[in-house]
Protein backbone atom coordinates (compact mmCIF):
# COMPACT_ATOMS: atom_id res chain seq x y z
CA GLN A 1 -22.16 -7.20 -21.52
CA VAL A 2 -21.96 -10.98 -21.76
CA LEU A 3 -22.05 -12.96 -18.53
CA GLU A 4 -20.19 -16.19 -18.03
CA TYR A 5 -22.31 -19.34 -17.66
CA ALA A 6 -21.65 -21.30 -14.47
CA GLU A 7 -22.26 -24.90 -15.47
CA GLY A 8 -21.97 -26.22 -11.92
CA GLY A 9 -24.96 -24.25 -10.64
CA ASP A 10 -24.89 -22.61 -7.24
CA VAL A 11 -23.60 -23.86 -3.90
CA LEU A 12 -27.09 -24.11 -2.35
CA HIS A 13 -28.26 -26.50 -5.06
CA TYR A 14 -25.03 -28.48 -4.77
CA VAL A 15 -25.37 -28.92 -1.00
CA GLN A 16 -29.06 -29.82 -1.29
CA THR A 17 -28.36 -32.54 -3.85
CA ALA A 18 -24.89 -33.82 -2.89
CA GLY A 19 -24.93 -33.26 0.86
CA ALA A 20 -22.14 -31.95 3.05
CA LEU A 21 -18.86 -30.89 1.52
CA GLY A 22 -15.71 -32.88 2.07
CA GLU A 23 -12.90 -31.17 3.93
CA GLU A 24 -10.70 -30.54 0.86
CA ARG A 25 -13.53 -29.04 -1.21
CA ALA A 26 -14.74 -26.93 1.73
CA ARG A 27 -11.19 -25.63 2.28
CA SER A 28 -10.74 -24.78 -1.39
CA TRP A 29 -14.09 -23.04 -1.80
CA THR A 30 -13.74 -21.14 1.48
CA GLY A 31 -10.30 -19.90 0.51
CA GLN A 32 -11.58 -18.68 -2.85
CA ILE A 33 -14.59 -16.93 -1.28
CA VAL A 34 -12.46 -15.23 1.36
CA SER A 35 -9.98 -14.12 -1.30
CA ALA A 36 -12.79 -12.65 -3.42
CA VAL A 37 -14.36 -10.82 -0.47
CA VAL A 38 -11.01 -9.39 0.61
CA TYR A 39 -10.45 -8.21 -2.97
CA MET A 40 -13.88 -6.53 -3.04
CA HIS A 41 -13.25 -4.88 0.32
CA ASP A 42 -9.86 -3.65 -0.88
CA LEU A 43 -11.72 -1.96 -3.75
CA GLY A 44 -14.18 -0.46 -1.25
CA ILE A 45 -17.09 -2.65 -2.35
CA ALA A 46 -19.47 -4.36 0.06
CA HIS A 47 -21.49 -7.21 -1.52
CA ARG A 48 -24.20 -7.17 1.20
CA ASP A 49 -26.00 -10.31 -0.04
CA LEU A 50 -23.46 -13.10 0.18
CA LYS A 51 -25.30 -16.41 0.51
CA LEU A 52 -25.09 -19.90 -0.97
CA GLU A 53 -27.35 -18.99 -3.92
CA ASN A 54 -24.93 -16.21 -4.89
CA ILE A 55 -21.86 -18.42 -5.09
CA LEU A 56 -21.62 -20.15 -8.46
CA LEU A 57 -19.63 -23.25 -9.38
CA SER A 58 -17.55 -24.14 -12.40
CA ALA A 59 -18.39 -27.31 -14.32
CA ASP A 60 -15.57 -29.25 -12.64
CA LEU A 61 -16.62 -27.88 -9.19
CA ARG A 62 -13.10 -26.55 -8.55
CA ALA A 63 -13.76 -22.82 -8.92
CA VAL A 64 -16.36 -20.66 -7.19
CA LYS A 65 -17.50 -17.22 -8.32
CA ILE A 66 -19.53 -14.63 -6.49
CA CYS A 67 -22.54 -13.27 -8.35
CA ASP A 68 -25.58 -10.99 -7.89
CA PHE A 69 -24.18 -7.60 -7.00
CA GLY A 70 -27.65 -6.03 -6.89
CA PHE A 71 -27.23 -5.00 -3.24
CA ALA A 72 -23.52 -4.20 -3.54
CA LYS A 73 -22.39 -0.79 -2.41
CA LYS A 74 -19.31 1.24 -3.14
CA LEU A 75 -18.23 2.52 0.23
CA ASP A 76 -17.11 6.10 0.64
CA ASP A 77 -15.74 7.88 3.71
CA ARG A 78 -19.23 8.48 5.14
CA SER A 79 -20.46 4.91 4.70
CA VAL A 80 -17.25 3.43 6.10
CA SER A 81 -17.50 5.54 9.23
CA SER A 82 -21.17 4.68 9.73
CA CYS A 83 -20.61 0.93 9.45
CA ASN A 84 -16.97 0.67 10.45
CA HIS A 85 -17.60 -1.76 13.31
CA TYR A 86 -19.58 -4.06 11.04
CA VAL A 87 -16.86 -4.07 8.36
CA LEU A 88 -14.16 -4.77 10.95
CA LEU A 89 -16.23 -7.62 12.40
CA VAL A 90 -16.81 -9.17 8.97
CA ASN A 91 -13.12 -8.92 8.08
CA ARG A 92 -12.14 -10.48 11.41
CA VAL A 93 -14.54 -13.40 10.92
CA LEU A 94 -13.38 -13.94 7.32
CA PHE A 95 -9.72 -13.88 8.23
CA THR A 96 -10.41 -16.29 11.09
CA VAL A 97 -12.21 -18.64 8.69
CA ALA A 98 -9.35 -18.32 6.19
CA ALA A 99 -6.77 -19.17 8.84
CA VAL A 100 -8.71 -22.25 9.93
CA ALA A 101 -9.33 -23.35 6.33
CA MET A 102 -5.70 -23.15 5.26
């Protein structure tokens, strides 16, 4: 399988070199991240290692992509019931962030 090259690097490196994000860029990236996480959760996948180093940037810095699914887990009925409160909390926080960002 061929992986796509992310010319813009990762978000951690971007923030360390460029400083704080402007409001428009933060809103755009946050919306994309929330959309991707909701999509993963709808498929029953928990990333479990979402951090700045695992969010990659396109060359023009407009698009973000989530990477490094090494800790990802496909949730089944047993795993959902054992971590249901955590998943609900994460979804609530993400939807709150999405509402504020939009």
